Amino acid sequence: MVQVVIINGPAGVGKSTVSRILASRWDGAINISGDALRHFAPENVREHLGAGSTYRAGAALVASYVEMGARRVLFDYVFERPESITLFQGQLPLNLSVHVFTLWAPLETVVQREANREGRSRMGDAVVATFEAIQPNLHALGRVIANTVGAEETAQIILEELLGSVSSDDGTDRG
């Protein structure tokens, strides 16, 4: 069974870092960053392609890698509402096992991490905005993982759950 893993969370929580670590530890995993996909589109992409274009493009890229034979695909991005996950999943082939992990930490921790990131531009108000948008929906955004101990440990928790054939009690198993 092909596994697709969504790494979700507010801006600055450590999604990209955890995804990179997971990809390096999970043999053959494809790692797709939603932030990288957003760089392809103009800022007014919504006017031209409609809402959710990054979710749809991300799912199309995941589906392409699966079609080429990938067995494990990671996609990290901000999914603020369960409807965004549904939109993403609706673009995928039906024979995939989809697991959603939402990384979470106190707002102060996320703000501090984002301020100390080297080599990346500051996200400013997006940190607080995405945190506040996700918080009321947290219960419906897959398995919540406290990303307070560090990216290495967080990645290990996720990997152990994936390798232990995570049962999808969060309603995201498509297989």
N, C-alpha and C. Protein backbone atom coordinates (compact mmCIF):
# COMPACT_ATOMS: atom_id res chain seq x y z
N MET A 1 0.84 -1.18 0.00
CA MET A 1 0.00 0.00 0.00
C MET A 1 0.88 1.24 0.00
N VAL A 2 0.57 2.15 -0.90
CA VAL A 2 1.27 3.42 -0.97
C VAL A 2 0.83 4.28 0.21
N GLN A 3 1.79 4.94 0.86
CA GLN A 3 1.47 5.82 1.98
C GLN A 3 1.76 7.27 1.60
N VAL A 4 0.77 8.12 1.82
CA VAL A 4 0.91 9.55 1.66
C VAL A 4 0.80 10.14 3.06
N VAL A 5 1.77 10.99 3.40
CA VAL A 5 1.81 11.57 4.73
C VAL A 5 1.75 13.09 4.60
N ILE A 6 0.72 13.66 5.18
CA ILE A 6 0.59 15.11 5.24
C ILE A 6 1.19 15.57 6.56
N ILE A 7 2.14 16.48 6.47
CA ILE A 7 2.70 17.12 7.66
C ILE A 7 2.13 18.53 7.69
N ASN A 8 1.25 18.76 8.63
CA ASN A 8 0.49 19.99 8.73
C ASN A 8 0.92 20.78 9.96
N GLY A 9 0.55 22.02 10.02
CA GLY A 9 0.79 22.85 11.19
C GLY A 9 0.91 24.30 10.79
N PRO A 10 0.90 25.18 11.77
CA PRO A 10 1.00 26.60 11.47
C PRO A 10 2.38 26.97 10.90
N ALA A 11 2.44 28.11 10.26
CA ALA A 11 3.71 28.61 9.74
C ALA A 11 4.72 28.69 10.87
N GLY A 12 5.92 28.18 10.63
CA GLY A 12 6.99 28.27 11.61
C GLY A 12 7.05 27.17 12.64
N VAL A 13 6.13 26.21 12.61
CA VAL A 13 6.11 25.16 13.64
C VAL A 13 7.18 24.09 13.41
N GLY A 14 7.72 24.01 12.18
CA GLY A 14 8.78 23.04 11.90
C GLY A 14 8.40 21.96 10.91
N LYS A 15 7.37 22.19 10.10
CA LYS A 15 6.92 21.18 9.14
C LYS A 15 8.01 20.78 8.16
N SER A 16 8.66 21.75 7.57
CA SER A 16 9.68 21.46 6.56
C SER A 16 10.87 20.73 7.17
N THR A 17 11.27 21.13 8.34
CA THR A 17 12.40 20.48 9.01
C THR A 17 12.05 19.04 9.34
N VAL A 18 10.90 18.83 9.93
CA VAL A 18 10.48 17.46 10.29
C VAL A 18 10.34 16.61 9.02
N SER A 19 9.77 17.18 7.96
CA SER A 19 9.61 16.43 6.71
C SER A 19 10.95 16.03 6.11
N ARG A 20 11.93 16.93 6.14
CA ARG A 20 13.27 16.60 5.62
C ARG A 20 13.89 15.46 6.43
N ILE A 21 13.75 15.52 7.74
CA ILE A 21 14.29 14.45 8.59
C ILE A 21 13.59 13.13 8.30
N LEU A 22 12.26 13.17 8.20
CA LEU A 22 11.51 11.96 7.87
C LEU A 22 11.96 11.37 6.54
N ALA A 23 12.09 12.21 5.54
CA ALA A 23 12.50 11.73 4.21
C ALA A 23 13.87 11.07 4.27
N SER A 24 14.76 11.61 5.09
CA SER A 24 16.11 11.03 5.17
C SER A 24 16.11 9.70 5.93
N ARG A 25 15.12 9.48 6.77
CA ARG A 25 15.05 8.24 7.56
C ARG A 25 14.13 7.19 6.98
N TRP A 26 13.29 7.57 6.04
CA TRP A 26 12.27 6.68 5.50
C TRP A 26 12.66 6.35 4.08
N ASP A 27 13.27 5.22 3.89
CA ASP A 27 13.87 4.82 2.62
C ASP A 27 12.93 5.03 1.43
N GLY A 28 13.41 5.78 0.47
CA GLY A 28 12.68 5.99 -0.77
C GLY A 28 11.58 7.02 -0.71
N ALA A 29 11.46 7.75 0.38
CA ALA A 29 10.37 8.72 0.51
C ALA A 29 10.60 9.94 -0.37
N ILE A 30 9.54 10.37 -1.01
CA ILE A 30 9.53 11.61 -1.79
C ILE A 30 9.05 12.70 -0.85
N ASN A 31 9.73 13.84 -0.85
CA ASN A 31 9.38 14.93 0.07
C ASN A 31 8.99 16.17 -0.74
N ILE A 32 7.72 16.56 -0.64
CA ILE A 32 7.20 17.70 -1.38
C ILE A 32 6.85 18.81 -0.39
N SER A 33 7.37 19.99 -0.64
CA SER A 33 7.05 21.15 0.19
C SER A 33 6.01 22.01 -0.50
N GLY A 34 4.88 22.21 0.16
CA GLY A 34 3.85 23.08 -0.38
C GLY A 34 4.35 24.50 -0.57
N ASP A 35 5.26 24.93 0.32
CA ASP A 35 5.82 26.28 0.17
C ASP A 35 6.57 26.42 -1.15
N ALA A 36 7.29 25.38 -1.54
CA ALA A 36 8.02 25.42 -2.81
C ALA A 36 7.04 25.51 -3.98
N LEU A 37 5.92 24.81 -3.88
CA LEU A 37 4.92 24.88 -4.96
C LEU A 37 4.33 26.28 -5.09
N ARG A 38 4.16 26.95 -3.98
CA ARG A 38 3.61 28.30 -4.02
C ARG A 38 4.51 29.26 -4.77
N HIS A 39 5.80 29.00 -4.81
CA HIS A 39 6.74 29.88 -5.52
C HIS A 39 6.55 29.83 -7.04
N PHE A 40 5.89 28.81 -7.54
CA PHE A 40 5.64 28.72 -8.98
C PHE A 40 4.54 29.67 -9.42
N ALA A 41 3.65 30.00 -8.51
CA ALA A 41 2.45 30.76 -8.89
C ALA A 41 2.59 32.23 -8.51
N PRO A 42 1.91 33.09 -9.26
CA PRO A 42 1.92 34.51 -8.89
C PRO A 42 1.10 34.71 -7.61
N GLU A 43 1.29 35.85 -6.97
CA GLU A 43 0.57 36.13 -5.74
C GLU A 43 -0.94 36.14 -5.93
N ASN A 44 -1.40 36.49 -7.10
CA ASN A 44 -2.84 36.54 -7.37
C ASN A 44 -3.34 35.26 -8.03
N VAL A 45 -2.71 34.14 -7.74
CA VAL A 45 -3.06 32.87 -8.36
C VAL A 45 -4.52 32.50 -8.14
N ARG A 46 -5.06 32.87 -7.00
CA ARG A 46 -6.47 32.54 -6.70
C ARG A 46 -7.40 33.12 -7.77
N GLU A 47 -7.08 34.32 -8.26
CA GLU A 47 -7.90 34.95 -9.30
C GLU A 47 -7.89 34.13 -10.59
N HIS A 48 -6.79 33.47 -10.86
CA HIS A 48 -6.63 32.75 -12.13
C HIS A 48 -7.00 31.27 -12.03
N LEU A 49 -6.71 30.65 -10.87
CA LEU A 49 -6.89 29.21 -10.74
C LEU A 49 -7.93 28.81 -9.69
N GLY A 50 -8.42 29.78 -8.96
CA GLY A 50 -9.41 29.48 -7.92
C GLY A 50 -8.76 29.13 -6.59
N ALA A 51 -9.59 29.03 -5.58
CA ALA A 51 -9.12 28.71 -4.23
C ALA A 51 -8.57 27.29 -4.18
N GLY A 52 -7.58 27.09 -3.32
CA GLY A 52 -7.04 25.75 -3.11
C GLY A 52 -6.10 25.26 -4.18
N SER A 53 -5.54 26.15 -4.98
CA SER A 53 -4.69 25.70 -6.09
C SER A 53 -3.43 24.98 -5.61
N THR A 54 -2.87 25.40 -4.48
CA THR A 54 -1.67 24.71 -3.98
C THR A 54 -2.01 23.31 -3.50
N TYR A 55 -3.17 23.14 -2.87
CA TYR A 55 -3.60 21.80 -2.46
C TYR A 55 -3.79 20.91 -3.68
N ARG A 56 -4.44 21.47 -4.70
CA ARG A 56 -4.68 20.68 -5.91
C ARG A 56 -3.38 20.37 -6.64
N ALA A 57 -2.49 21.35 -6.74
CA ALA A 57 -1.20 21.11 -7.40
C ALA A 57 -0.37 20.11 -6.61
N GLY A 58 -0.39 20.22 -5.29
CA GLY A 58 0.35 19.28 -4.44
C GLY A 58 -0.16 17.86 -4.62
N ALA A 59 -1.48 17.71 -4.64
CA ALA A 59 -2.06 16.38 -4.83
C ALA A 59 -1.73 15.82 -6.21
N ALA A 60 -1.74 16.69 -7.23
CA ALA A 60 -1.38 16.24 -8.58
C ALA A 60 0.07 15.76 -8.63
N LEU A 61 0.96 16.46 -7.94
CA LEU A 61 2.36 16.05 -7.90
C LEU A 61 2.51 14.74 -7.13
N VAL A 62 1.81 14.61 -6.02
CA VAL A 62 1.83 13.35 -5.27
C VAL A 62 1.36 12.21 -6.18
N ALA A 63 0.23 12.42 -6.86
CA ALA A 63 -0.32 11.39 -7.75
C ALA A 63 0.67 11.03 -8.86
N SER A 64 1.39 12.02 -9.38
CA SER A 64 2.39 11.74 -10.42
C SER A 64 3.52 10.87 -9.89
N TYR A 65 4.02 11.18 -8.70
CA TYR A 65 5.08 10.35 -8.11
C TYR A 65 4.58 8.93 -7.83
N VAL A 66 3.34 8.81 -7.38
CA VAL A 66 2.77 7.49 -7.13
C VAL A 66 2.67 6.71 -8.45
N GLU A 67 2.24 7.39 -9.49
CA GLU A 67 2.13 6.76 -10.81
C GLU A 67 3.49 6.27 -11.30
N MET A 68 4.56 6.99 -10.94
CA MET A 68 5.91 6.58 -11.32
C MET A 68 6.46 5.45 -10.46
N GLY A 69 5.75 5.11 -9.39
CA GLY A 69 6.18 4.00 -8.56
C GLY A 69 6.57 4.33 -7.13
N ALA A 70 6.42 5.59 -6.72
CA ALA A 70 6.74 5.95 -5.33
C ALA A 70 5.80 5.22 -4.38
N ARG A 71 6.35 4.74 -3.30
CA ARG A 71 5.56 4.03 -2.28
C ARG A 71 5.30 4.91 -1.05
N ARG A 72 6.10 5.98 -0.91
CA ARG A 72 5.99 6.87 0.25
C ARG A 72 6.16 8.31 -0.20
N VAL A 73 5.17 9.13 0.10
CA VAL A 73 5.24 10.53 -0.30
C VAL A 73 4.84 11.41 0.89
N LEU A 74 5.69 12.37 1.19
CA LEU A 74 5.43 13.36 2.24
C LEU A 74 5.02 14.67 1.58
N PHE A 75 4.04 15.34 2.16
CA PHE A 75 3.64 16.66 1.67
C PHE A 75 3.46 17.55 2.89
N ASP A 76 4.31 18.59 3.00
CA ASP A 76 4.17 19.50 4.14
C ASP A 76 3.60 20.83 3.68
N TYR A 77 2.59 21.25 4.42
CA TYR A 77 1.92 22.50 4.07
C TYR A 77 0.96 22.87 5.19
N VAL A 78 0.39 24.05 5.12
CA VAL A 78 -0.59 24.49 6.11
C VAL A 78 -1.99 24.10 5.63
N PHE A 79 -2.65 23.25 6.40
CA PHE A 79 -4.04 22.89 6.18
C PHE A 79 -4.81 23.45 7.38
N GLU A 80 -5.48 24.57 7.20
CA GLU A 80 -6.14 25.24 8.32
C GLU A 80 -7.45 24.59 8.71
N ARG A 81 -8.12 23.97 7.72
CA ARG A 81 -9.45 23.39 7.96
C ARG A 81 -9.51 21.97 7.40
N PRO A 82 -10.38 21.15 7.96
CA PRO A 82 -10.53 19.78 7.43
C PRO A 82 -10.93 19.77 5.95
N GLU A 83 -11.65 20.80 5.51
CA GLU A 83 -12.05 20.87 4.10
C GLU A 83 -10.85 20.95 3.17
N SER A 84 -9.77 21.54 3.63
CA SER A 84 -8.56 21.61 2.81
C SER A 84 -7.95 20.23 2.64
N ILE A 85 -7.98 19.44 3.69
CA ILE A 85 -7.49 18.06 3.60
C ILE A 85 -8.37 17.26 2.66
N THR A 86 -9.69 17.46 2.76
CA THR A 86 -10.63 16.77 1.87
C THR A 86 -10.38 17.15 0.42
N LEU A 87 -10.14 18.43 0.15
CA LEU A 87 -9.83 18.89 -1.21
C LEU A 87 -8.58 18.19 -1.73
N PHE A 88 -7.52 18.16 -0.91
CA PHE A 88 -6.26 17.51 -1.28
C PHE A 88 -6.50 16.03 -1.57
N GLN A 89 -7.15 15.35 -0.64
CA GLN A 89 -7.39 13.91 -0.81
C GLN A 89 -8.27 13.59 -2.01
N GLY A 90 -9.19 14.49 -2.30
CA GLY A 90 -10.10 14.26 -3.43
C GLY A 90 -9.40 14.23 -4.77
N GLN A 91 -8.18 14.75 -4.82
CA GLN A 91 -7.41 14.77 -6.06
C GLN A 91 -6.49 13.54 -6.19
N LEU A 92 -6.46 12.70 -5.16
CA LEU A 92 -5.55 11.55 -5.14
C LEU A 92 -6.25 10.28 -5.62
N PRO A 93 -5.47 9.31 -6.13
CA PRO A 93 -6.06 8.01 -6.45
C PRO A 93 -6.64 7.38 -5.18
N LEU A 94 -7.62 6.52 -5.34
CA LEU A 94 -8.32 5.95 -4.19
C LEU A 94 -7.53 4.89 -3.43
N ASN A 95 -6.52 4.30 -4.04
CA ASN A 95 -5.82 3.17 -3.41
C ASN A 95 -4.65 3.60 -2.54
N LEU A 96 -4.72 4.77 -1.96
CA LEU A 96 -3.63 5.27 -1.14
C LEU A 96 -4.03 5.30 0.33
N SER A 97 -3.07 5.08 1.18
CA SER A 97 -3.26 5.24 2.61
C SER A 97 -2.74 6.63 2.98
N VAL A 98 -3.63 7.51 3.42
CA VAL A 98 -3.27 8.88 3.72
C VAL A 98 -3.26 9.08 5.24
N HIS A 99 -2.16 9.60 5.74
CA HIS A 99 -2.00 9.86 7.17
C HIS A 99 -1.76 11.36 7.36
N VAL A 100 -2.47 11.95 8.30
CA VAL A 100 -2.34 13.38 8.56
C VAL A 100 -1.77 13.57 9.96
N PHE A 101 -0.65 14.28 10.03
CA PHE A 101 -0.03 14.64 11.29
C PHE A 101 0.03 16.16 11.37
N THR A 102 -0.55 16.72 12.41
CA THR A 102 -0.50 18.16 12.61
C THR A 102 0.48 18.46 13.73
N LEU A 103 1.54 19.18 13.40
CA LEU A 103 2.53 19.58 14.39
C LEU A 103 1.99 20.78 15.16
N TRP A 104 2.19 20.75 16.47
CA TRP A 104 1.64 21.81 17.30
C TRP A 104 2.60 22.16 18.41
N ALA A 105 2.66 23.42 18.74
CA ALA A 105 3.48 23.94 19.85
C ALA A 105 2.82 25.23 20.32
N PRO A 106 3.10 25.66 21.54
CA PRO A 106 2.55 26.95 21.98
C PRO A 106 2.96 28.08 21.03
N LEU A 107 2.07 29.06 20.90
CA LEU A 107 2.33 30.17 19.98
C LEU A 107 3.67 30.83 20.26
N GLU A 108 4.03 31.01 21.51
CA GLU A 108 5.30 31.66 21.85
C GLU A 108 6.48 30.86 21.28
N THR A 109 6.37 29.54 21.35
CA THR A 109 7.44 28.68 20.82
C THR A 109 7.54 28.82 19.31
N VAL A 110 6.40 28.82 18.64
CA VAL A 110 6.38 28.93 17.18
C VAL A 110 6.95 30.28 16.74
N VAL A 111 6.54 31.34 17.40
CA VAL A 111 7.03 32.68 17.06
C VAL A 111 8.55 32.75 17.26
N GLN A 112 9.03 32.20 18.36
CA GLN A 112 10.47 32.23 18.63
C GLN A 112 11.25 31.41 17.59
N ARG A 113 10.75 30.23 17.25
CA ARG A 113 11.42 29.40 16.23
C ARG A 113 11.50 30.14 14.91
N GLU A 114 10.38 30.73 14.52
CA GLU A 114 10.34 31.41 13.23
C GLU A 114 11.32 32.58 13.21
N ALA A 115 11.44 33.28 14.32
CA ALA A 115 12.35 34.43 14.40
C ALA A 115 13.81 34.00 14.34
N ASN A 116 14.11 32.76 14.71
CA ASN A 116 15.50 32.28 14.75
C ASN A 116 15.89 31.42 13.55
N ARG A 117 14.99 31.28 12.59
CA ARG A 117 15.31 30.47 11.41
C ARG A 117 16.36 31.16 10.56
N GLU A 118 17.37 30.42 10.22
CA GLU A 118 18.44 30.98 9.39
C GLU A 118 18.20 30.64 7.92
N GLY A 119 18.55 31.56 7.06
CA GLY A 119 18.50 31.31 5.63
C GLY A 119 17.11 31.35 5.02
N ARG A 120 16.11 31.79 5.76
CA ARG A 120 14.76 31.87 5.22
C ARG A 120 14.17 33.23 5.57
N SER A 121 13.36 33.74 4.68
CA SER A 121 12.74 35.04 4.96
C SER A 121 11.70 34.90 6.07
N ARG A 122 11.50 35.97 6.76
CA ARG A 122 10.54 35.99 7.88
C ARG A 122 9.12 35.88 7.34
N MET A 123 8.27 35.20 8.08
CA MET A 123 6.89 35.00 7.67
C MET A 123 5.95 36.01 8.31
N GLY A 124 6.43 36.76 9.27
CA GLY A 124 5.65 37.84 9.86
C GLY A 124 4.31 37.41 10.41
N ASP A 125 3.25 38.13 10.00
CA ASP A 125 1.91 37.90 10.52
C ASP A 125 1.35 36.52 10.19
N ALA A 126 1.91 35.84 9.20
CA ALA A 126 1.41 34.51 8.82
C ALA A 126 1.54 33.52 9.97
N VAL A 127 2.53 33.69 10.83
CA VAL A 127 2.73 32.78 11.96
C VAL A 127 1.50 32.80 12.87
N VAL A 128 1.13 33.98 13.31
CA VAL A 128 -0.02 34.11 14.21
C VAL A 128 -1.31 33.77 13.48
N ALA A 129 -1.45 34.23 12.25
CA ALA A 129 -2.68 34.00 11.49
C ALA A 129 -2.94 32.51 11.28
N THR A 130 -1.92 31.75 10.88
CA THR A 130 -2.15 30.32 10.65
C THR A 130 -2.36 29.58 11.96
N PHE A 131 -1.66 29.99 13.01
CA PHE A 131 -1.86 29.38 14.32
C PHE A 131 -3.32 29.56 14.76
N GLU A 132 -3.81 30.79 14.68
CA GLU A 132 -5.17 31.08 15.10
C GLU A 132 -6.22 30.42 14.21
N ALA A 133 -5.92 30.22 12.94
CA ALA A 133 -6.86 29.56 12.04
C ALA A 133 -6.92 28.05 12.30
N ILE A 134 -5.80 27.45 12.64
CA ILE A 134 -5.77 26.01 12.88
C ILE A 134 -6.33 25.65 14.25
N GLN A 135 -6.06 26.45 15.25
CA GLN A 135 -6.40 26.11 16.63
C GLN A 135 -7.84 25.61 16.83
N PRO A 136 -8.86 26.29 16.31
CA PRO A 136 -10.23 25.80 16.55
C PRO A 136 -10.55 24.50 15.80
N ASN A 137 -9.74 24.17 14.81
CA ASN A 137 -9.97 22.96 14.01
C ASN A 137 -9.02 21.82 14.37
N LEU A 138 -8.19 22.03 15.34
CA LEU A 138 -7.13 21.08 15.67
C LEU A 138 -7.66 19.66 15.86
N HIS A 139 -8.80 19.53 16.49
CA HIS A 139 -9.39 18.21 16.75
C HIS A 139 -9.73 17.45 15.47
N ALA A 140 -9.86 18.13 14.35
CA ALA A 140 -10.28 17.51 13.09
C ALA A 140 -9.17 17.48 12.05
N LEU A 141 -7.92 17.67 12.49
CA LEU A 141 -6.81 17.74 11.54
C LEU A 141 -5.80 16.61 11.76
N GLY A 142 -6.31 15.40 11.89
CA GLY A 142 -5.44 14.23 12.00
C GLY A 142 -4.83 14.07 13.37
N ARG A 143 -3.70 13.39 13.40
CA ARG A 143 -2.98 13.09 14.64
C ARG A 143 -2.15 14.31 15.02
N VAL A 144 -2.44 14.88 16.18
CA VAL A 144 -1.70 16.06 16.64
C VAL A 144 -0.45 15.59 17.37
N ILE A 145 0.69 16.12 16.94
CA ILE A 145 1.99 15.78 17.53
C ILE A 145 2.56 17.05 18.15
N ALA A 146 2.87 16.99 19.43
CA ALA A 146 3.49 18.13 20.10
C ALA A 146 4.93 18.27 19.60
N ASN A 147 5.19 19.33 18.87
CA ASN A 147 6.54 19.58 18.36
C ASN A 147 7.23 20.57 19.30
N THR A 148 7.42 20.11 20.53
CA THR A 148 8.04 20.96 21.54
C THR A 148 9.41 20.44 21.96
N VAL A 149 9.71 19.17 21.64
CA VAL A 149 10.98 18.58 22.06
C VAL A 149 12.09 18.76 21.03
N GLY A 150 11.74 18.97 19.80
CA GLY A 150 12.72 19.13 18.73
C GLY A 150 12.34 18.31 17.52
N ALA A 151 12.84 18.74 16.39
CA ALA A 151 12.47 18.12 15.11
C ALA A 151 12.88 16.66 15.01
N GLU A 152 14.06 16.31 15.49
CA GLU A 152 14.53 14.92 15.42
C GLU A 152 13.58 13.98 16.16
N GLU A 153 13.21 14.37 17.37
CA GLU A 153 12.31 13.55 18.19
C GLU A 153 10.92 13.49 17.58
N THR A 154 10.45 14.61 17.08
CA THR A 154 9.13 14.65 16.46
C THR A 154 9.09 13.75 15.23
N ALA A 155 10.12 13.83 14.40
CA ALA A 155 10.19 12.97 13.22
C ALA A 155 10.20 11.49 13.63
N GLN A 156 10.91 11.17 14.68
CA GLN A 156 10.98 9.78 15.14
C GLN A 156 9.62 9.27 15.60
N ILE A 157 8.86 10.10 16.30
CA ILE A 157 7.52 9.71 16.73
C ILE A 157 6.65 9.38 15.52
N ILE A 158 6.68 10.26 14.52
CA ILE A 158 5.88 10.04 13.31
C ILE A 158 6.34 8.79 12.59
N LEU A 159 7.64 8.62 12.42
CA LEU A 159 8.16 7.46 11.72
C LEU A 159 7.77 6.17 12.42
N GLU A 160 7.86 6.13 13.71
CA GLU A 160 7.47 4.93 14.46
C GLU A 160 6.00 4.60 14.25
N GLU A 161 5.15 5.63 14.23
CA GLU A 161 3.73 5.39 13.97
C GLU A 161 3.50 4.88 12.55
N LEU A 162 4.21 5.45 11.59
CA LEU A 162 4.05 5.02 10.21
C LEU A 162 4.56 3.60 10.01
N LEU A 163 5.70 3.30 10.57
CA LEU A 163 6.27 1.96 10.41
C LEU A 163 5.46 0.92 11.17
N GLY A 164 4.73 1.37 12.18
CA GLY A 164 3.87 0.46 12.93
C GLY A 164 2.50 0.33 12.28
N SER A 165 2.41 0.70 11.02
CA SER A 165 1.15 0.64 10.27
C SER A 165 0.03 1.35 11.02
N VAL A 166 0.16 2.65 11.08
CA VAL A 166 -0.80 3.47 11.78
C VAL A 166 -2.21 3.10 11.35
N SER A 167 -3.05 2.79 12.33
CA SER A 167 -4.46 2.60 12.00
C SER A 167 -5.05 3.98 11.86
N SER A 168 -5.91 4.14 10.92
CA SER A 168 -6.41 5.48 10.62
C SER A 168 -7.72 5.74 11.33
N ASP A 169 -7.63 5.94 12.64
CA ASP A 169 -8.83 6.25 13.39
C ASP A 169 -9.24 7.70 13.22
N ASP A 170 -8.46 8.46 12.46
CA ASP A 170 -8.81 9.86 12.23
C ASP A 170 -9.58 10.04 10.92
N GLY A 171 -9.96 8.93 10.30
CA GLY A 171 -10.78 9.00 9.11
C GLY A 171 -10.05 9.33 7.84
N THR A 172 -8.73 9.23 7.84
CA THR A 172 -8.01 9.64 6.65
C THR A 172 -7.52 8.47 5.81
N ASP A 173 -7.75 7.26 6.23
CA ASP A 173 -7.27 6.11 5.46
C ASP A 173 -8.13 5.95 4.21
N ARG A 174 -7.48 6.00 3.07
CA ARG A 174 -8.21 5.90 1.79
C ARG A 174 -8.10 4.52 1.20
N GLY A 175 -7.35 3.64 1.83
CA GLY A 175 -7.11 2.33 1.22
C GLY A 175 -7.99 1.25 1.73
